[in-house]
Amino acid sequence: MRVIRENVEREVDASKCEQLLKDGYKLVETSGDSKKESSEAKAPGDLDGMSLAELRAVAKEKGLSGYSSLSKEELLGVLKG
């Protein structure tokens, strides 16, 4: 399940989700995880056309750390490099 509060988005299991919802997080679309599917469906060459949120999702999927503080241009450099 995905939850969000301000600009912080987290993927958590159902038991943790319940607590985060009480702490002010809101549930993000869970039917099919369309955000994740859209970032996976794009080829690596399409990175330039992705939004910052999509690039961060790709960085997360690749297991990178420290990506949340990078600008779009910096993140593109990391993902392409």
PDB file of N, CA and C in Angstrom:
ATOM      1  N   MET A   1       0.843  -1.169   0.000  1.00  0.00           N
ATOM      2  CA  MET A   1       0.000   0.000   0.000  1.00  0.00           C
ATOM      3  C   MET A   1       0.891   1.235   0.000  1.00  0.00           C
ATOM      4  N   ARG A   2       0.408   2.264  -0.645  1.00  0.00           N
ATOM      5  CA  ARG A   2       1.162   3.502  -0.713  1.00  0.00           C
ATOM      6  C   ARG A   2       0.414   4.599   0.015  1.00  0.00           C
ATOM      7  N   VAL A   3       1.148   5.355   0.836  1.00  0.00           N
ATOM      8  CA  VAL A   3       0.571   6.468   1.582  1.00  0.00           C
ATOM      9  C   VAL A   3       1.416   7.710   1.336  1.00  0.00           C
ATOM     10  N   ILE A   4       0.799   8.878   1.525  1.00  0.00           N
ATOM     11  CA  ILE A   4       1.508  10.135   1.293  1.00  0.00           C
ATOM     12  C   ILE A   4       1.086  11.173   2.321  1.00  0.00           C
ATOM     13  N   ARG A   5       2.044  11.993   2.736  1.00  0.00           N
ATOM     14  CA  ARG A   5       1.778  13.151   3.593  1.00  0.00           C
ATOM     15  C   ARG A   5       2.730  14.247   3.140  1.00  0.00           C
ATOM     16  N   GLU A   6       2.172  15.394   2.776  1.00  0.00           N
ATOM     17  CA  GLU A   6       2.918  16.492   2.178  1.00  0.00           C
ATOM     18  C   GLU A   6       3.645  15.957   0.940  1.00  0.00           C
ATOM     19  N   ASN A   7       4.975  15.958   0.909  1.00  0.00           N
ATOM     20  CA  ASN A   7       5.680  15.440  -0.261  1.00  0.00           C
ATOM     21  C   ASN A   7       6.389  14.122   0.037  1.00  0.00           C
ATOM     22  N   VAL A   8       6.003  13.456   1.133  1.00  0.00           N
ATOM     23  CA  VAL A   8       6.615  12.194   1.518  1.00  0.00           C
ATOM     24  C   VAL A   8       5.675  11.053   1.158  1.00  0.00           C
ATOM     25  N   GLU A   9       6.145  10.174   0.282  1.00  0.00           N
ATOM     26  CA  GLU A   9       5.352   9.019  -0.122  1.00  0.00           C
ATOM     27  C   GLU A   9       6.066   7.768   0.353  1.00  0.00           C
ATOM     28  N   ARG A  10       5.304   6.838   0.931  1.00  0.00           N
ATOM     29  CA  ARG A  10       5.894   5.608   1.457  1.00  0.00           C
ATOM     30  C   ARG A  10       5.089   4.407   0.996  1.00  0.00           C
ATOM     31  N   GLU A  11       5.783   3.293   0.838  1.00  0.00           N
ATOM     32  CA  GLU A  11       5.123   2.031   0.534  1.00  0.00           C
ATOM     33  C   GLU A  11       5.250   1.159   1.777  1.00  0.00           C
ATOM     34  N   VAL A  12       4.095   0.741   2.316  1.00  0.00           N
ATOM     35  CA  VAL A  12       4.073   0.015   3.582  1.00  0.00           C
ATOM     36  C   VAL A  12       3.093  -1.145   3.507  1.00  0.00           C
ATOM     37  N   ASP A  13       3.228  -2.063   4.468  1.00  0.00           N
ATOM     38  CA  ASP A  13       2.261  -3.153   4.541  1.00  0.00           C
ATOM     39  C   ASP A  13       1.011  -2.668   5.268  1.00  0.00           C
ATOM     40  N   ALA A  14      -0.022  -3.479   5.275  1.00  0.00           N
ATOM     41  CA  ALA A  14      -1.326  -3.071   5.788  1.00  0.00           C
ATOM     42  C   ALA A  14      -1.278  -2.678   7.263  1.00  0.00           C
ATOM     43  N   SER A  15      -0.521  -3.399   8.080  1.00  0.00           N
ATOM     44  CA  SER A  15      -0.482  -3.083   9.511  1.00  0.00           C
ATOM     45  C   SER A  15       0.164  -1.726   9.764  1.00  0.00           C
ATOM     46  N   LYS A  16       1.230  -1.405   9.052  1.00  0.00           N
ATOM     47  CA  LYS A  16       1.902  -0.111   9.197  1.00  0.00           C
ATOM     48  C   LYS A  16       1.046   1.004   8.589  1.00  0.00           C
ATOM     49  N   CYS A  17       0.321   0.684   7.526  1.00  0.00           N
ATOM     50  CA  CYS A  17      -0.525   1.656   6.846  1.00  0.00           C
ATOM     51  C   CYS A  17      -1.568   2.220   7.797  1.00  0.00           C
ATOM     52  N   GLU A  18      -2.149   1.369   8.590  1.00  0.00           N
ATOM     53  CA  GLU A  18      -3.187   1.788   9.524  1.00  0.00           C
ATOM     54  C   GLU A  18      -2.661   2.862  10.477  1.00  0.00           C
ATOM     55  N   GLN A  19      -1.469   2.654  11.015  1.00  0.00           N
ATOM     56  CA  GLN A  19      -0.876   3.620  11.939  1.00  0.00           C
ATOM     57  C   GLN A  19      -0.549   4.927  11.225  1.00  0.00           C
ATOM     58  N   LEU A  20       0.000   4.843  10.018  1.00  0.00           N
ATOM     59  CA  LEU A  20       0.353   6.054   9.279  1.00  0.00           C
ATOM     60  C   LEU A  20      -0.884   6.867   8.910  1.00  0.00           C
ATOM     61  N   LEU A  21      -1.984   6.200   8.594  1.00  0.00           N
ATOM     62  CA  LEU A  21      -3.227   6.916   8.298  1.00  0.00           C
ATOM     63  C   LEU A  21      -3.690   7.702   9.521  1.00  0.00           C
ATOM     64  N   LYS A  22      -3.500   7.140  10.711  1.00  0.00           N
ATOM     65  CA  LYS A  22      -3.841   7.845  11.946  1.00  0.00           C
ATOM     66  C   LYS A  22      -2.912   9.030  12.172  1.00  0.00           C
ATOM     67  N   ASP A  23      -1.689   8.943  11.648  1.00  0.00           N
ATOM     68  CA  ASP A  23      -0.690  10.001  11.824  1.00  0.00           C
ATOM     69  C   ASP A  23      -0.784  11.088  10.756  1.00  0.00           C
ATOM     70  N   GLY A  24      -1.808  11.032   9.913  1.00  0.00           N
ATOM     71  CA  GLY A  24      -2.017  12.106   8.952  1.00  0.00           C
ATOM     72  C   GLY A  24      -1.667  11.775   7.509  1.00  0.00           C
ATOM     73  N   TYR A  25      -1.204  10.563   7.249  1.00  0.00           N
ATOM     74  CA  TYR A  25      -0.939  10.169   5.866  1.00  0.00           C
ATOM     75  C   TYR A  25      -2.263   9.875   5.171  1.00  0.00           C
ATOM     76  N   LYS A  26      -2.269   9.975   3.849  1.00  0.00           N
ATOM     77  CA  LYS A  26      -3.443   9.634   3.055  1.00  0.00           C
ATOM     78  C   LYS A  26      -3.086   8.488   2.129  1.00  0.00           C
ATOM     79  N   LEU A  27      -4.051   7.641   1.877  1.00  0.00           N
ATOM     80  CA  LEU A  27      -3.855   6.490   1.009  1.00  0.00           C
ATOM     81  C   LEU A  27      -3.765   6.940  -0.442  1.00  0.00           C
ATOM     82  N   VAL A  28      -2.754   6.441  -1.151  1.00  0.00           N
ATOM     83  CA  VAL A  28      -2.569   6.717  -2.572  1.00  0.00           C
ATOM     84  C   VAL A  28      -3.187   5.564  -3.336  1.00  0.00           C
ATOM     85  N   GLU A  29      -3.586   5.802  -4.558  1.00  0.00           N
ATOM     86  CA  GLU A  29      -4.218   4.780  -5.389  1.00  0.00           C
ATOM     87  C   GLU A  29      -3.484   3.453  -5.281  1.00  0.00           C
ATOM     88  N   THR A  30      -4.222   2.393  -4.918  1.00  0.00           N
ATOM     89  CA  THR A  30      -3.598   1.081  -4.762  1.00  0.00           C
ATOM     90  C   THR A  30      -4.054   0.089  -5.821  1.00  0.00           C
ATOM     91  N   SER A  31      -5.089   0.385  -6.556  1.00  0.00           N
ATOM     92  CA  SER A  31      -5.580  -0.565  -7.550  1.00  0.00           C
ATOM     93  C   SER A  31      -4.627  -0.614  -8.737  1.00  0.00           C
ATOM     94  N   GLY A  32      -3.745  -1.587  -8.719  1.00  0.00           N
ATOM     95  CA  GLY A  32      -2.816  -1.772  -9.827  1.00  0.00           C
ATOM     96  C   GLY A  32      -1.557  -0.931  -9.725  1.00  0.00           C
ATOM     97  N   ASP A  33      -1.448  -0.071  -8.710  1.00  0.00           N
ATOM     98  CA  ASP A  33      -0.282   0.792  -8.576  1.00  0.00           C
ATOM     99  C   ASP A  33       0.103   1.413  -9.903  1.00  0.00           C
ATOM    100  N   SER A  34      -0.780   2.206 -10.462  1.00  0.00           N
ATOM    101  CA  SER A  34      -0.590   2.755 -11.799  1.00  0.00           C
ATOM    102  C   SER A  34       0.681   3.587 -11.915  1.00  0.00           C
ATOM    103  N   LYS A  35       1.092   4.283 -10.869  1.00  0.00           N
ATOM    104  CA  LYS A  35       2.335   5.064 -10.931  1.00  0.00           C
ATOM    105  C   LYS A  35       3.529   4.151 -11.164  1.00  0.00           C
ATOM    106  N   LYS A  36       3.580   3.051 -10.419  1.00  0.00           N
ATOM    107  CA  LYS A  36       4.700   2.131 -10.549  1.00  0.00           C
ATOM    108  C   LYS A  36       4.701   1.493 -11.932  1.00  0.00           C
ATOM    109  N   GLU A  37       3.540   1.096 -12.397  1.00  0.00           N
ATOM    110  CA  GLU A  37       3.456   0.485 -13.715  1.00  0.00           C
ATOM    111  C   GLU A  37       3.903   1.449 -14.798  1.00  0.00           C
ATOM    112  N   SER A  38       3.539   2.710 -14.684  1.00  0.00           N
ATOM    113  CA  SER A  38       3.899   3.665 -15.722  1.00  0.00           C
ATOM    114  C   SER A  38       5.392   3.907 -15.748  1.00  0.00           C
ATOM    115  N   SER A  39       6.058   3.929 -14.597  1.00  0.00           N
ATOM    116  CA  SER A  39       7.496   4.141 -14.598  1.00  0.00           C
ATOM    117  C   SER A  39       8.234   2.897 -15.082  1.00  0.00           C
ATOM    118  N   GLU A  40       7.705   1.716 -14.803  1.00  0.00           N
ATOM    119  CA  GLU A  40       8.344   0.493 -15.277  1.00  0.00           C
ATOM    120  C   GLU A  40       8.134   0.305 -16.773  1.00  0.00           C
ATOM    121  N   ALA A  41       7.016   0.793 -17.286  1.00  0.00           N
ATOM    122  CA  ALA A  41       6.696   0.585 -18.688  1.00  0.00           C
ATOM    123  C   ALA A  41       7.564   1.440 -19.608  1.00  0.00           C
ATOM    124  N   LYS A  42       8.131   2.516 -19.090  1.00  0.00           N
ATOM    125  CA  LYS A  42       8.945   3.394 -19.919  1.00  0.00           C
ATOM    126  C   LYS A  42      10.349   2.828 -20.046  1.00  0.00           C
ATOM    127  N   ALA A  43      10.900   2.926 -21.220  1.00  0.00           N
ATOM    128  CA  ALA A  43      12.254   2.457 -21.473  1.00  0.00           C
ATOM    129  C   ALA A  43      13.247   3.410 -20.832  1.00  0.00           C
ATOM    130  N   PRO A  44      14.457   2.937 -20.505  1.00  0.00           N
ATOM    131  CA  PRO A  44      15.462   3.802 -19.895  1.00  0.00           C
ATOM    132  C   PRO A  44      15.748   5.054 -20.709  1.00  0.00           C
ATOM    133  N   GLY A  45      15.629   5.001 -22.018  1.00  0.00           N
ATOM    134  CA  GLY A  45      15.863   6.159 -22.861  1.00  0.00           C
ATOM    135  C   GLY A  45      14.801   7.231 -22.699  1.00  0.00           C
ATOM    136  N   ASP A  46      13.681   6.873 -22.074  1.00  0.00           N
ATOM    137  CA  ASP A  46      12.583   7.808 -21.871  1.00  0.00           C
ATOM    138  C   ASP A  46      12.705   8.581 -20.558  1.00  0.00           C
ATOM    139  N   LEU A  47      13.831   8.465 -19.881  1.00  0.00           N
ATOM    140  CA  LEU A  47      13.999   9.126 -18.598  1.00  0.00           C
ATOM    141  C   LEU A  47      13.786  10.634 -18.716  1.00  0.00           C
ATOM    142  N   ASP A  48      14.217  11.228 -19.828  1.00  0.00           N
ATOM    143  CA  ASP A  48      14.085  12.675 -20.006  1.00  0.00           C
ATOM    144  C   ASP A  48      12.632  13.127 -19.987  1.00  0.00           C
ATOM    145  N   GLY A  49      11.720  12.268 -20.387  1.00  0.00           N
ATOM    146  CA  GLY A  49      10.312  12.628 -20.433  1.00  0.00           C
ATOM    147  C   GLY A  49       9.568  12.376 -19.138  1.00  0.00           C
ATOM    148  N   MET A  50      10.252  11.831 -18.138  1.00  0.00           N
ATOM    149  CA  MET A  50       9.605  11.519 -16.859  1.00  0.00           C
ATOM    150  C   MET A  50       9.587  12.732 -15.943  1.00  0.00           C
ATOM    151  N   SER A  51       8.582  12.764 -15.074  1.00  0.00           N
ATOM    152  CA  SER A  51       8.515  13.813 -14.056  1.00  0.00           C
ATOM    153  C   SER A  51       9.498  13.473 -12.936  1.00  0.00           C
ATOM    154  N   LEU A  52       9.742  14.432 -12.061  1.00  0.00           N
ATOM    155  CA  LEU A  52      10.638  14.203 -10.937  1.00  0.00           C
ATOM    156  C   LEU A  52      10.117  13.063 -10.058  1.00  0.00           C
ATOM    157  N   ALA A  53       8.813  13.011  -9.841  1.00  0.00           N
ATOM    158  CA  ALA A  53       8.223  11.944  -9.025  1.00  0.00           C
ATOM    159  C   ALA A  53       8.453  10.577  -9.668  1.00  0.00           C
ATOM    160  N   GLU A  54       8.316  10.504 -10.985  1.00  0.00           N
ATOM    161  CA  GLU A  54       8.552   9.236 -11.684  1.00  0.00           C
ATOM    162  C   GLU A  54      10.020   8.839 -11.603  1.00  0.00           C
ATOM    163  N   LEU A  55      10.919   9.806 -11.737  1.00  0.00           N
ATOM    164  CA  LEU A  55      12.346   9.517 -11.632  1.00  0.00           C
ATOM    165  C   LEU A  55      12.708   9.029 -10.236  1.00  0.00           C
ATOM    166  N   ARG A  56      12.094   9.625  -9.235  1.00  0.00           N
ATOM    167  CA  ARG A  56      12.334   9.169  -7.855  1.00  0.00           C
ATOM    168  C   ARG A  56      11.828   7.744  -7.660  1.00  0.00           C
ATOM    169  N   ALA A  57      10.708   7.412  -8.290  1.00  0.00           N
ATOM    170  CA  ALA A  57      10.179   6.046  -8.200  1.00  0.00           C
ATOM    171  C   ALA A  57      11.145   5.061  -8.844  1.00  0.00           C
ATOM    172  N   VAL A  58      11.744   5.438  -9.968  1.00  0.00           N
ATOM    173  CA  VAL A  58      12.723   4.576 -10.637  1.00  0.00           C
ATOM    174  C   VAL A  58      13.942   4.397  -9.737  1.00  0.00           C
ATOM    175  N   ALA A  59      14.413   5.493  -9.122  1.00  0.00           N
ATOM    176  CA  ALA A  59      15.569   5.418  -8.223  1.00  0.00           C
ATOM    177  C   ALA A  59      15.266   4.509  -7.035  1.00  0.00           C
ATOM    178  N   LYS A  60      14.057   4.607  -6.519  1.00  0.00           N
ATOM    179  CA  LYS A  60      13.655   3.760  -5.400  1.00  0.00           C
ATOM    180  C   LYS A  60      13.650   2.292  -5.809  1.00  0.00           C
ATOM    181  N   GLU A  61      13.096   2.009  -7.000  1.00  0.00           N
ATOM    182  CA  GLU A  61      13.043   0.642  -7.505  1.00  0.00           C
ATOM    183  C   GLU A  61      14.443   0.067  -7.687  1.00  0.00           C
ATOM    184  N   LYS A  62      15.405   0.930  -8.036  1.00  0.00           N
ATOM    185  CA  LYS A  62      16.782   0.471  -8.235  1.00  0.00           C
ATOM    186  C   LYS A  62      17.553   0.370  -6.927  1.00  0.00           C
ATOM    187  N   GLY A  63      16.927   0.772  -5.829  1.00  0.00           N
ATOM    188  CA  GLY A  63      17.561   0.660  -4.521  1.00  0.00           C
ATOM    189  C   GLY A  63      18.567   1.760  -4.223  1.00  0.00           C
ATOM    190  N   LEU A  64      18.490   2.879  -4.922  1.00  0.00           N
ATOM    191  CA  LEU A  64      19.409   3.987  -4.691  1.00  0.00           C
ATOM    192  C   LEU A  64      19.026   4.721  -3.408  1.00  0.00           C
ATOM    193  N   SER A  65      19.997   5.391  -2.808  1.00  0.00           N
ATOM    194  CA  SER A  65      19.698   6.187  -1.620  1.00  0.00           C
ATOM    195  C   SER A  65      20.110   7.629  -1.872  1.00  0.00           C
ATOM    196  N   GLY A  66      19.514   8.551  -1.148  1.00  0.00           N
ATOM    197  CA  GLY A  66      19.831   9.961  -1.271  1.00  0.00           C
ATOM    198  C   GLY A  66      19.206  10.655  -2.462  1.00  0.00           C
ATOM    199  N   TYR A  67      18.354   9.965  -3.192  1.00  0.00           N
ATOM    200  CA  TYR A  67      17.760  10.533  -4.401  1.00  0.00           C
ATOM    201  C   TYR A  67      16.715  11.607  -4.125  1.00  0.00           C
ATOM    202  N   SER A  68      16.116  11.581  -2.949  1.00  0.00           N
ATOM    203  CA  SER A  68      15.021  12.515  -2.670  1.00  0.00           C
ATOM    204  C   SER A  68      15.479  13.966  -2.584  1.00  0.00           C
ATOM    205  N   SER A  69      16.761  14.191  -2.328  1.00  0.00           N
ATOM    206  CA  SER A  69      17.248  15.572  -2.220  1.00  0.00           C
ATOM    207  C   SER A  69      17.823  16.094  -3.534  1.00  0.00           C
ATOM    208  N   LEU A  70      17.852  15.249  -4.567  1.00  0.00           N
ATOM    209  CA  LEU A  70      18.427  15.647  -5.848  1.00  0.00           C
ATOM    210  C   LEU A  70      17.421  16.397  -6.712  1.00  0.00           C
ATOM    211  N   SER A  71      17.938  17.297  -7.532  1.00  0.00           N
ATOM    212  CA  SER A  71      17.084  17.968  -8.513  1.00  0.00           C
ATOM    213  C   SER A  71      16.821  16.992  -9.662  1.00  0.00           C
ATOM    214  N   LYS A  72      15.918  17.352 -10.537  1.00  0.00           N
ATOM    215  CA  LYS A  72      15.588  16.487 -11.663  1.00  0.00           C
ATOM    216  C   LYS A  72      16.825  16.235 -12.524  1.00  0.00           C
ATOM    217  N   GLU A  73      17.606  17.288 -12.804  1.00  0.00           N
ATOM    218  CA  GLU A  73      18.784  17.147 -13.636  1.00  0.00           C
ATOM    219  C   GLU A  73      19.824  16.250 -12.977  1.00  0.00           C
ATOM    220  N   GLU A  74      20.035  16.416 -11.666  1.00  0.00           N
ATOM    221  CA  GLU A  74      20.991  15.585 -10.931  1.00  0.00           C
ATOM    222  C   GLU A  74      20.545  14.126 -10.936  1.00  0.00           C
ATOM    223  N   LEU A  75      19.261  13.910 -10.716  1.00  0.00           N
ATOM    224  CA  LEU A  75      18.727  12.554 -10.681  1.00  0.00           C
ATOM    225  C   LEU A  75      18.826  11.887 -12.054  1.00  0.00           C
ATOM    226  N   LEU A  76      18.576  12.649 -13.104  1.00  0.00           N
ATOM    227  CA  LEU A  76      18.749  12.114 -14.457  1.00  0.00           C
ATOM    228  C   LEU A  76      20.191  11.666 -14.664  1.00  0.00           C
ATOM    229  N   GLY A  77      21.142  12.459 -14.214  1.00  0.00           N
ATOM    230  CA  GLY A  77      22.559  12.113 -14.340  1.00  0.00           C
ATOM    231  C   GLY A  77      22.902  10.829 -13.614  1.00  0.00           C
ATOM    232  N   VAL A  78      22.361  10.657 -12.417  1.00  0.00           N
ATOM    233  CA  VAL A  78      22.612   9.445 -11.635  1.00  0.00           C
ATOM    234  C   VAL A  78      22.006   8.230 -12.325  1.00  0.00           C
ATOM    235  N   LEU A  79      20.773   8.357 -12.778  1.00  0.00           N
ATOM    236  CA  LEU A  79      20.086   7.212 -13.397  1.00  0.00           C
ATOM    237  C   LEU A  79      20.694   6.834 -14.755  1.00  0.00           C
ATOM    238  N   LYS A  80      21.196   7.820 -15.478  1.00  0.00           N
ATOM    239  CA  LYS A  80      21.788   7.527 -16.783  1.00  0.00           C
ATOM    240  C   LYS A  80      23.237   7.060 -16.658  1.00  0.00           C
ATOM    241  N   GLY A  81      23.901   7.513 -15.592  1.00  0.00           N
ATOM    242  CA  GLY A  81      25.320   7.239 -15.434  1.00  0.00           C
ATOM    243  C   GLY A  81      25.587   5.897 -14.913  1.00  0.00           C
TER     244      GLY A  81
END
